[in-house]
Structure formats: structure tokens, C-alpha cells
Amino acid sequence: MDSQFQAVVGSEIAVSAAAPATHDASGFGALTFTDIDTVGQLGEIGPTDGLVTFTPVNDGITQKAQGNRNYGSQALQMAYTTTTDPGVAILETAHAARASVSVKETLPDGAIRYYQAKCMGVREVRGAAETVLGLATTLEITTSIVKVDAPS
């Protein structure tokens, strides 16, 4: 069996200060997005459910169920630049205003992921002598992820 996979190289991430009129591909597709030019690490996205447990005393076997849903957080690693990155500027403005941003991730095959998130800050990252001065942000995803298949 052949496994199909893609490298991350060629992916793009863009943001918009506007909210979609509808939470679907059409609503997000109508927005104007601004690329974040210097992303070096996209992080992970996707929901996880909280664990709800109950252990009856008669048998002592823990029962489990899915509880609250959390759409997760995405840690972006970016390079610091001496010129303004318009996508980073949108994140900084949204953070200052405590506003949501709309996010569009385009995968190398053309598939798209849309969602909304809160920017929890844009921080400067420093490392050793042979590392790039960077920026980091955490996007707390607040909506379900709308997946658009790659064009065929």
C-alpha cells in the first residue's frame, strides 16, 4: 500500500481582521486575507474533547464520556524582520483590541483550512548565536475548522 503524504514546505498562512458572514467556505472565501510572510513553524490545529469520568462504587470500573470540546491552540513560529510584516501587524492589532482574527491556511496541494482565533500575543524569541531572531504567537482557535479539499 502506498502512503500519500505531503511536506509542509509550500504551505501558507494568512489572516484577516474581518469575520465571515457565514461559517463555511463561502463566508471565509469572501474575505480578504493578508499573508504572514515569515512563518517557519505552523504548529498543530484541531479539536480535543475533555474527559468526563464516573466510577460507580458497585464495580469500581471507571466510565468515560466525551465532555467539553476545545478547538485547540496553534503555536506559530516566525522570523523577526526589520520591515513590517502586514500579517503580523494584523495579529498585533487584534491582540491589543482583544479581537478575533479569521485564519486561512493553504496546504501545498491547495487544500484550505479556515477558522477564527484569538491572538494571545506576539512575543520576541531569542536563542543561541546560530539561531534566527524570531517572533512567536499562540492562536487560540474559537470555532470549528472549515476544511476545503484540494482542487482536483
N, C-alpha and C. Protein backbone atom coordinates (compact mmCIF):
# COMPACT_ATOMS: atom_id res chain seq x y z
N MET A 1 0.84 -1.18 0.00
CA MET A 1 0.00 0.00 0.00
C MET A 1 0.89 1.24 0.00
N ASP A 2 0.62 2.15 -0.91
CA ASP A 2 1.36 3.41 -0.96
C ASP A 2 0.72 4.41 -0.02
N SER A 3 1.55 5.07 0.75
CA SER A 3 1.07 6.14 1.63
C SER A 3 1.26 7.47 0.92
N GLN A 4 0.26 8.28 0.98
CA GLN A 4 0.34 9.61 0.40
C GLN A 4 0.55 10.61 1.52
N PHE A 5 1.59 11.39 1.44
CA PHE A 5 1.83 12.44 2.41
C PHE A 5 2.40 13.64 1.69
N GLN A 6 2.39 14.78 2.37
CA GLN A 6 2.97 15.97 1.79
C GLN A 6 3.92 16.61 2.80
N ALA A 7 4.95 17.23 2.31
CA ALA A 7 5.82 18.04 3.15
C ALA A 7 5.09 19.35 3.45
N VAL A 8 5.47 20.00 4.51
CA VAL A 8 4.86 21.26 4.90
C VAL A 8 5.31 22.42 4.00
N VAL A 9 6.49 22.27 3.40
CA VAL A 9 7.02 23.34 2.56
C VAL A 9 6.01 23.66 1.44
N GLY A 10 5.79 24.94 1.25
CA GLY A 10 4.80 25.38 0.27
C GLY A 10 3.49 25.79 0.92
N SER A 11 3.35 25.54 2.23
CA SER A 11 2.15 25.96 2.95
C SER A 11 2.18 27.46 3.16
N GLU A 12 1.01 28.04 3.30
CA GLU A 12 0.89 29.47 3.57
C GLU A 12 -0.14 29.68 4.65
N ILE A 13 0.05 30.72 5.44
CA ILE A 13 -0.95 31.09 6.44
C ILE A 13 -1.21 32.59 6.31
N ALA A 14 -2.48 32.94 6.36
CA ALA A 14 -2.88 34.33 6.18
C ALA A 14 -3.98 34.65 7.19
N VAL A 15 -4.13 35.93 7.51
CA VAL A 15 -5.12 36.36 8.49
C VAL A 15 -5.94 37.52 7.95
N SER A 16 -7.11 37.69 8.54
CA SER A 16 -7.99 38.81 8.21
C SER A 16 -8.59 39.32 9.51
N ALA A 17 -8.71 40.63 9.63
CA ALA A 17 -9.35 41.22 10.79
C ALA A 17 -10.87 41.09 10.71
N ALA A 18 -11.39 40.75 9.55
CA ALA A 18 -12.84 40.65 9.35
C ALA A 18 -13.34 39.26 9.72
N ALA A 19 -14.59 39.20 10.12
CA ALA A 19 -15.26 37.93 10.40
C ALA A 19 -16.07 37.52 9.18
N PRO A 20 -16.20 36.23 8.93
CA PRO A 20 -17.01 35.79 7.79
C PRO A 20 -18.50 36.01 8.07
N ALA A 21 -19.26 36.26 7.02
CA ALA A 21 -20.71 36.41 7.17
C ALA A 21 -21.36 35.08 7.55
N THR A 22 -20.78 33.98 7.06
CA THR A 22 -21.25 32.64 7.40
C THR A 22 -20.03 31.77 7.70
N HIS A 23 -20.22 30.79 8.59
CA HIS A 23 -19.09 29.93 8.99
C HIS A 23 -19.00 28.73 8.05
N ASP A 24 -18.61 29.03 6.80
CA ASP A 24 -18.44 27.99 5.79
C ASP A 24 -17.43 28.48 4.76
N ALA A 25 -17.14 27.66 3.78
CA ALA A 25 -16.14 28.01 2.78
C ALA A 25 -16.50 29.29 2.04
N SER A 26 -17.79 29.50 1.76
CA SER A 26 -18.20 30.72 1.05
C SER A 26 -17.98 31.96 1.90
N GLY A 27 -18.35 31.88 3.17
CA GLY A 27 -18.19 33.03 4.06
C GLY A 27 -16.73 33.42 4.23
N PHE A 28 -15.88 32.43 4.50
CA PHE A 28 -14.46 32.72 4.64
C PHE A 28 -13.85 33.12 3.30
N GLY A 29 -14.27 32.47 2.22
CA GLY A 29 -13.72 32.76 0.90
C GLY A 29 -13.99 34.17 0.43
N ALA A 30 -15.01 34.83 0.99
CA ALA A 30 -15.34 36.20 0.60
C ALA A 30 -14.43 37.23 1.29
N LEU A 31 -13.65 36.80 2.27
CA LEU A 31 -12.79 37.73 3.00
C LEU A 31 -11.49 37.98 2.23
N THR A 32 -10.87 39.10 2.53
CA THR A 32 -9.53 39.40 2.02
C THR A 32 -8.53 39.04 3.11
N PHE A 33 -7.60 38.15 2.78
CA PHE A 33 -6.60 37.69 3.74
C PHE A 33 -5.24 38.29 3.41
N THR A 34 -4.44 38.50 4.46
CA THR A 34 -3.09 39.01 4.34
C THR A 34 -2.12 37.94 4.81
N ASP A 35 -1.16 37.59 3.95
CA ASP A 35 -0.18 36.56 4.31
C ASP A 35 0.68 37.00 5.47
N ILE A 36 1.06 36.01 6.31
CA ILE A 36 2.14 36.21 7.27
C ILE A 36 3.36 35.68 6.54
N ASP A 37 4.29 36.55 6.23
CA ASP A 37 5.37 36.21 5.31
C ASP A 37 6.48 35.34 5.89
N THR A 38 6.66 35.36 7.19
CA THR A 38 7.88 34.78 7.75
C THR A 38 7.62 33.60 8.68
N VAL A 39 6.58 32.83 8.44
CA VAL A 39 6.27 31.69 9.32
C VAL A 39 7.24 30.55 9.04
N GLY A 40 7.83 30.02 10.11
CA GLY A 40 8.76 28.91 9.98
C GLY A 40 8.22 27.63 10.61
N GLN A 41 7.16 27.76 11.41
CA GLN A 41 6.56 26.60 12.07
C GLN A 41 5.07 26.88 12.22
N LEU A 42 4.24 25.99 11.67
CA LEU A 42 2.80 26.19 11.69
C LEU A 42 2.12 25.67 12.94
N GLY A 43 2.71 24.72 13.63
CA GLY A 43 2.06 24.17 14.81
C GLY A 43 0.93 23.25 14.42
N GLU A 44 0.12 22.88 15.40
CA GLU A 44 -0.96 21.94 15.16
C GLU A 44 -2.31 22.60 15.38
N ILE A 45 -3.33 22.07 14.71
CA ILE A 45 -4.70 22.56 14.90
C ILE A 45 -5.62 21.35 15.01
N GLY A 46 -6.76 21.56 15.60
CA GLY A 46 -7.76 20.51 15.67
C GLY A 46 -8.35 20.38 17.06
N PRO A 47 -9.58 19.91 17.12
CA PRO A 47 -10.27 19.85 18.41
C PRO A 47 -9.85 18.66 19.27
N THR A 48 -9.99 18.86 20.57
CA THR A 48 -9.88 17.78 21.54
C THR A 48 -11.04 17.91 22.51
N ASP A 49 -11.46 16.79 23.02
CA ASP A 49 -12.56 16.78 23.98
C ASP A 49 -12.04 16.54 25.38
N GLY A 50 -12.69 17.18 26.33
CA GLY A 50 -12.38 16.92 27.73
C GLY A 50 -12.89 15.54 28.13
N LEU A 51 -12.28 14.98 29.14
CA LEU A 51 -12.66 13.66 29.62
C LEU A 51 -13.59 13.80 30.82
N VAL A 52 -14.74 13.14 30.76
CA VAL A 52 -15.68 13.09 31.86
C VAL A 52 -15.67 11.67 32.39
N THR A 53 -15.49 11.52 33.71
CA THR A 53 -15.44 10.18 34.28
C THR A 53 -16.42 10.05 35.43
N PHE A 54 -16.83 8.82 35.66
CA PHE A 54 -17.68 8.47 36.79
C PHE A 54 -17.34 7.03 37.17
N THR A 55 -17.12 6.81 38.43
CA THR A 55 -16.81 5.45 38.88
C THR A 55 -17.89 5.00 39.88
N PRO A 56 -18.74 4.05 39.46
CA PRO A 56 -19.75 3.54 40.39
C PRO A 56 -19.07 2.68 41.46
N VAL A 57 -19.59 2.77 42.65
CA VAL A 57 -18.99 2.02 43.75
C VAL A 57 -19.26 0.52 43.67
N ASN A 58 -20.30 0.11 42.94
CA ASN A 58 -20.64 -1.32 42.91
C ASN A 58 -19.61 -2.16 42.16
N ASP A 59 -18.97 -1.59 41.12
CA ASP A 59 -17.98 -2.39 40.40
C ASP A 59 -16.61 -1.71 40.30
N GLY A 60 -16.51 -0.43 40.62
CA GLY A 60 -15.24 0.27 40.63
C GLY A 60 -14.64 0.48 39.24
N ILE A 61 -15.42 0.27 38.19
CA ILE A 61 -14.92 0.46 36.82
C ILE A 61 -15.25 1.88 36.37
N THR A 62 -14.23 2.60 36.00
CA THR A 62 -14.41 3.98 35.59
C THR A 62 -15.11 4.04 34.24
N GLN A 63 -16.21 4.76 34.20
CA GLN A 63 -16.95 5.01 32.96
C GLN A 63 -16.41 6.31 32.37
N LYS A 64 -16.36 6.37 31.07
CA LYS A 64 -15.80 7.56 30.41
C LYS A 64 -16.72 8.07 29.33
N ALA A 65 -16.72 9.39 29.18
CA ALA A 65 -17.50 10.04 28.12
C ALA A 65 -16.73 11.27 27.65
N GLN A 66 -17.11 11.73 26.48
CA GLN A 66 -16.53 12.97 25.97
C GLN A 66 -17.26 14.15 26.58
N GLY A 67 -16.51 15.13 27.01
CA GLY A 67 -17.08 16.33 27.61
C GLY A 67 -16.97 17.52 26.70
N ASN A 68 -16.54 18.64 27.28
CA ASN A 68 -16.43 19.88 26.51
C ASN A 68 -15.46 19.74 25.35
N ARG A 69 -15.72 20.47 24.30
CA ARG A 69 -14.86 20.47 23.11
C ARG A 69 -14.03 21.75 23.12
N ASN A 70 -12.73 21.59 22.89
CA ASN A 70 -11.81 22.71 22.80
C ASN A 70 -11.17 22.62 21.42
N TYR A 71 -11.30 23.68 20.63
CA TYR A 71 -10.76 23.65 19.27
C TYR A 71 -9.24 23.84 19.24
N GLY A 72 -8.63 24.00 20.39
CA GLY A 72 -7.19 23.96 20.48
C GLY A 72 -6.51 25.30 20.28
N SER A 73 -5.21 25.21 20.30
CA SER A 73 -4.38 26.39 20.08
C SER A 73 -3.30 26.05 19.08
N GLN A 74 -2.85 27.06 18.41
CA GLN A 74 -1.83 26.89 17.37
C GLN A 74 -0.66 27.81 17.70
N ALA A 75 0.51 27.22 17.85
CA ALA A 75 1.71 27.99 18.14
C ALA A 75 2.45 28.26 16.82
N LEU A 76 2.51 29.52 16.43
CA LEU A 76 3.23 29.90 15.21
C LEU A 76 4.61 30.43 15.58
N GLN A 77 5.60 29.97 14.86
CA GLN A 77 6.96 30.50 15.00
C GLN A 77 7.27 31.28 13.72
N MET A 78 7.74 32.51 13.88
CA MET A 78 8.01 33.38 12.74
C MET A 78 9.39 34.00 12.90
N ALA A 79 9.94 34.47 11.81
CA ALA A 79 11.21 35.21 11.87
C ALA A 79 10.91 36.68 12.11
N TYR A 80 11.71 37.30 12.93
CA TYR A 80 11.64 38.74 13.14
C TYR A 80 12.26 39.42 11.92
N THR A 81 11.60 40.44 11.41
CA THR A 81 12.16 41.17 10.27
C THR A 81 12.28 42.65 10.63
N THR A 82 13.15 43.34 9.93
CA THR A 82 13.33 44.77 10.19
C THR A 82 12.28 45.61 9.47
N THR A 83 11.50 44.98 8.61
CA THR A 83 10.39 45.68 7.97
C THR A 83 9.09 45.10 8.51
N THR A 84 8.04 45.83 8.41
CA THR A 84 6.76 45.39 8.95
C THR A 84 6.16 44.29 8.09
N ASP A 85 5.80 43.19 8.73
CA ASP A 85 5.07 42.11 8.07
C ASP A 85 3.59 42.43 8.27
N PRO A 86 2.84 42.71 7.20
CA PRO A 86 1.43 43.11 7.36
C PRO A 86 0.58 42.07 8.10
N GLY A 87 0.88 40.79 7.90
CA GLY A 87 0.13 39.75 8.61
C GLY A 87 0.38 39.79 10.10
N VAL A 88 1.64 40.00 10.50
CA VAL A 88 1.98 40.13 11.92
C VAL A 88 1.31 41.38 12.50
N ALA A 89 1.26 42.46 11.73
CA ALA A 89 0.62 43.69 12.19
C ALA A 89 -0.87 43.44 12.50
N ILE A 90 -1.54 42.63 11.68
CA ILE A 90 -2.95 42.29 11.96
C ILE A 90 -3.04 41.53 13.27
N LEU A 91 -2.13 40.59 13.50
CA LEU A 91 -2.13 39.84 14.77
C LEU A 91 -1.92 40.76 15.96
N GLU A 92 -0.96 41.69 15.85
CA GLU A 92 -0.67 42.61 16.96
C GLU A 92 -1.86 43.51 17.25
N THR A 93 -2.52 43.99 16.19
CA THR A 93 -3.69 44.85 16.37
C THR A 93 -4.84 44.08 17.01
N ALA A 94 -5.05 42.85 16.56
CA ALA A 94 -6.12 42.03 17.13
C ALA A 94 -5.83 41.73 18.60
N HIS A 95 -4.58 41.45 18.91
CA HIS A 95 -4.22 41.19 20.31
C HIS A 95 -4.51 42.41 21.17
N ALA A 96 -4.08 43.58 20.73
CA ALA A 96 -4.30 44.81 21.50
C ALA A 96 -5.78 45.09 21.71
N ALA A 97 -6.59 44.80 20.71
CA ALA A 97 -8.03 45.06 20.77
C ALA A 97 -8.82 43.90 21.38
N ARG A 98 -8.13 42.79 21.68
CA ARG A 98 -8.80 41.57 22.17
C ARG A 98 -9.86 41.09 21.18
N ALA A 99 -9.54 41.25 19.90
CA ALA A 99 -10.47 40.90 18.83
C ALA A 99 -10.06 39.57 18.19
N SER A 100 -11.00 38.94 17.55
CA SER A 100 -10.72 37.70 16.81
C SER A 100 -10.14 38.01 15.44
N VAL A 101 -9.42 37.05 14.90
CA VAL A 101 -8.96 37.11 13.52
C VAL A 101 -9.51 35.88 12.81
N SER A 102 -9.69 36.01 11.52
CA SER A 102 -10.01 34.86 10.67
C SER A 102 -8.69 34.37 10.10
N VAL A 103 -8.54 33.06 10.02
CA VAL A 103 -7.29 32.46 9.58
C VAL A 103 -7.55 31.58 8.36
N LYS A 104 -6.63 31.62 7.41
CA LYS A 104 -6.68 30.77 6.23
C LYS A 104 -5.32 30.10 6.08
N GLU A 105 -5.33 28.77 6.16
CA GLU A 105 -4.11 28.01 5.89
C GLU A 105 -4.29 27.34 4.54
N THR A 106 -3.32 27.50 3.68
CA THR A 106 -3.33 26.83 2.39
C THR A 106 -2.21 25.80 2.40
N LEU A 107 -2.56 24.54 2.19
CA LEU A 107 -1.60 23.45 2.19
C LEU A 107 -0.95 23.35 0.81
N PRO A 108 0.18 22.67 0.71
CA PRO A 108 0.88 22.60 -0.58
C PRO A 108 0.04 22.06 -1.73
N ASP A 109 -0.93 21.19 -1.45
CA ASP A 109 -1.75 20.64 -2.53
C ASP A 109 -2.94 21.53 -2.89
N GLY A 110 -3.08 22.67 -2.19
CA GLY A 110 -4.18 23.60 -2.47
C GLY A 110 -5.36 23.46 -1.53
N ALA A 111 -5.36 22.44 -0.66
CA ALA A 111 -6.42 22.32 0.35
C ALA A 111 -6.34 23.51 1.29
N ILE A 112 -7.48 23.89 1.84
CA ILE A 112 -7.55 25.08 2.70
C ILE A 112 -8.19 24.72 4.02
N ARG A 113 -7.74 25.38 5.07
CA ARG A 113 -8.34 25.29 6.40
C ARG A 113 -8.67 26.71 6.83
N TYR A 114 -9.94 26.94 7.21
CA TYR A 114 -10.39 28.24 7.70
C TYR A 114 -10.85 28.09 9.15
N TYR A 115 -10.61 29.12 9.96
CA TYR A 115 -11.13 29.15 11.32
C TYR A 115 -10.93 30.55 11.88
N GLN A 116 -11.52 30.78 13.04
CA GLN A 116 -11.30 32.04 13.75
C GLN A 116 -10.53 31.76 15.02
N ALA A 117 -9.79 32.77 15.47
CA ALA A 117 -8.94 32.58 16.64
C ALA A 117 -8.71 33.91 17.35
N LYS A 118 -8.28 33.79 18.59
CA LYS A 118 -7.83 34.94 19.38
C LYS A 118 -6.31 34.90 19.41
N CYS A 119 -5.68 36.01 19.10
CA CYS A 119 -4.22 36.12 19.18
C CYS A 119 -3.88 36.45 20.63
N MET A 120 -3.11 35.58 21.25
CA MET A 120 -2.79 35.73 22.67
C MET A 120 -1.50 36.54 22.90
N GLY A 121 -0.99 37.15 21.86
CA GLY A 121 0.20 37.99 21.98
C GLY A 121 1.20 37.66 20.89
N VAL A 122 2.06 38.60 20.60
CA VAL A 122 3.17 38.39 19.67
C VAL A 122 4.43 38.68 20.47
N ARG A 123 5.23 37.64 20.66
CA ARG A 123 6.41 37.74 21.52
C ARG A 123 7.69 37.62 20.69
N GLU A 124 8.74 38.32 21.14
CA GLU A 124 10.05 38.17 20.51
C GLU A 124 10.73 36.94 21.08
N VAL A 125 11.40 36.18 20.21
CA VAL A 125 12.08 34.96 20.60
C VAL A 125 13.57 35.13 20.35
N ARG A 126 14.35 34.83 21.35
CA ARG A 126 15.81 34.90 21.22
C ARG A 126 16.38 33.52 21.48
N GLY A 127 17.48 33.23 20.87
CA GLY A 127 18.10 31.92 21.05
C GLY A 127 19.61 32.05 21.09
N ALA A 128 20.24 30.99 20.68
CA ALA A 128 21.71 30.95 20.64
C ALA A 128 22.23 31.73 19.44
N ALA A 129 23.54 31.82 19.34
CA ALA A 129 24.19 32.61 18.30
C ALA A 129 23.80 32.18 16.89
N GLU A 130 23.56 30.91 16.68
CA GLU A 130 23.26 30.41 15.34
C GLU A 130 21.77 30.23 15.08
N THR A 131 20.95 30.99 15.77
CA THR A 131 19.51 30.92 15.55
C THR A 131 19.02 32.25 15.01
N VAL A 132 17.83 32.23 14.47
CA VAL A 132 17.20 33.42 13.92
C VAL A 132 16.43 34.12 15.03
N LEU A 133 16.57 35.45 15.10
CA LEU A 133 15.73 36.22 16.00
C LEU A 133 14.30 36.03 15.51
N GLY A 134 13.42 35.68 16.41
CA GLY A 134 12.09 35.31 15.94
C GLY A 134 10.96 36.00 16.66
N LEU A 135 9.78 35.63 16.23
CA LEU A 135 8.53 36.03 16.84
C LEU A 135 7.73 34.76 17.07
N ALA A 136 6.90 34.79 18.09
CA ALA A 136 6.02 33.65 18.36
C ALA A 136 4.66 34.18 18.74
N THR A 137 3.65 33.45 18.37
CA THR A 137 2.30 33.77 18.81
C THR A 137 1.55 32.48 19.07
N THR A 138 0.55 32.58 19.90
CA THR A 138 -0.37 31.48 20.12
C THR A 138 -1.75 31.94 19.68
N LEU A 139 -2.33 31.20 18.75
CA LEU A 139 -3.68 31.47 18.31
C LEU A 139 -4.60 30.48 19.01
N GLU A 140 -5.51 30.98 19.82
CA GLU A 140 -6.50 30.12 20.48
C GLU A 140 -7.70 30.02 19.55
N ILE A 141 -7.90 28.85 18.99
CA ILE A 141 -8.94 28.64 17.98
C ILE A 141 -10.30 28.61 18.67
N THR A 142 -11.23 29.43 18.16
CA THR A 142 -12.53 29.60 18.82
C THR A 142 -13.70 29.02 18.04
N THR A 143 -13.44 28.50 16.85
CA THR A 143 -14.53 27.95 16.02
C THR A 143 -14.08 26.61 15.46
N SER A 144 -15.04 25.88 14.93
CA SER A 144 -14.69 24.66 14.23
C SER A 144 -13.87 25.01 12.98
N ILE A 145 -13.11 24.04 12.52
CA ILE A 145 -12.24 24.25 11.36
C ILE A 145 -13.00 23.85 10.10
N VAL A 146 -13.08 24.77 9.15
CA VAL A 146 -13.74 24.51 7.88
C VAL A 146 -12.68 23.99 6.92
N LYS A 147 -12.87 22.76 6.44
CA LYS A 147 -11.90 22.15 5.53
C LYS A 147 -12.41 22.22 4.09
N VAL A 148 -11.54 22.70 3.21
CA VAL A 148 -11.85 22.75 1.79
C VAL A 148 -10.85 21.85 1.09
N ASP A 149 -11.35 20.86 0.35
CA ASP A 149 -10.48 19.91 -0.33
C ASP A 149 -9.62 20.58 -1.39
N ALA A 150 -8.50 19.97 -1.67
CA ALA A 150 -7.62 20.45 -2.72
C ALA A 150 -8.35 20.34 -4.06
N PRO A 151 -8.09 21.28 -4.96
CA PRO A 151 -8.69 21.16 -6.29
C PRO A 151 -8.23 19.89 -6.99
N SER A 152 -9.12 19.29 -7.74
CA SER A 152 -8.73 18.03 -8.41
C SER A 152 -8.25 18.27 -9.81
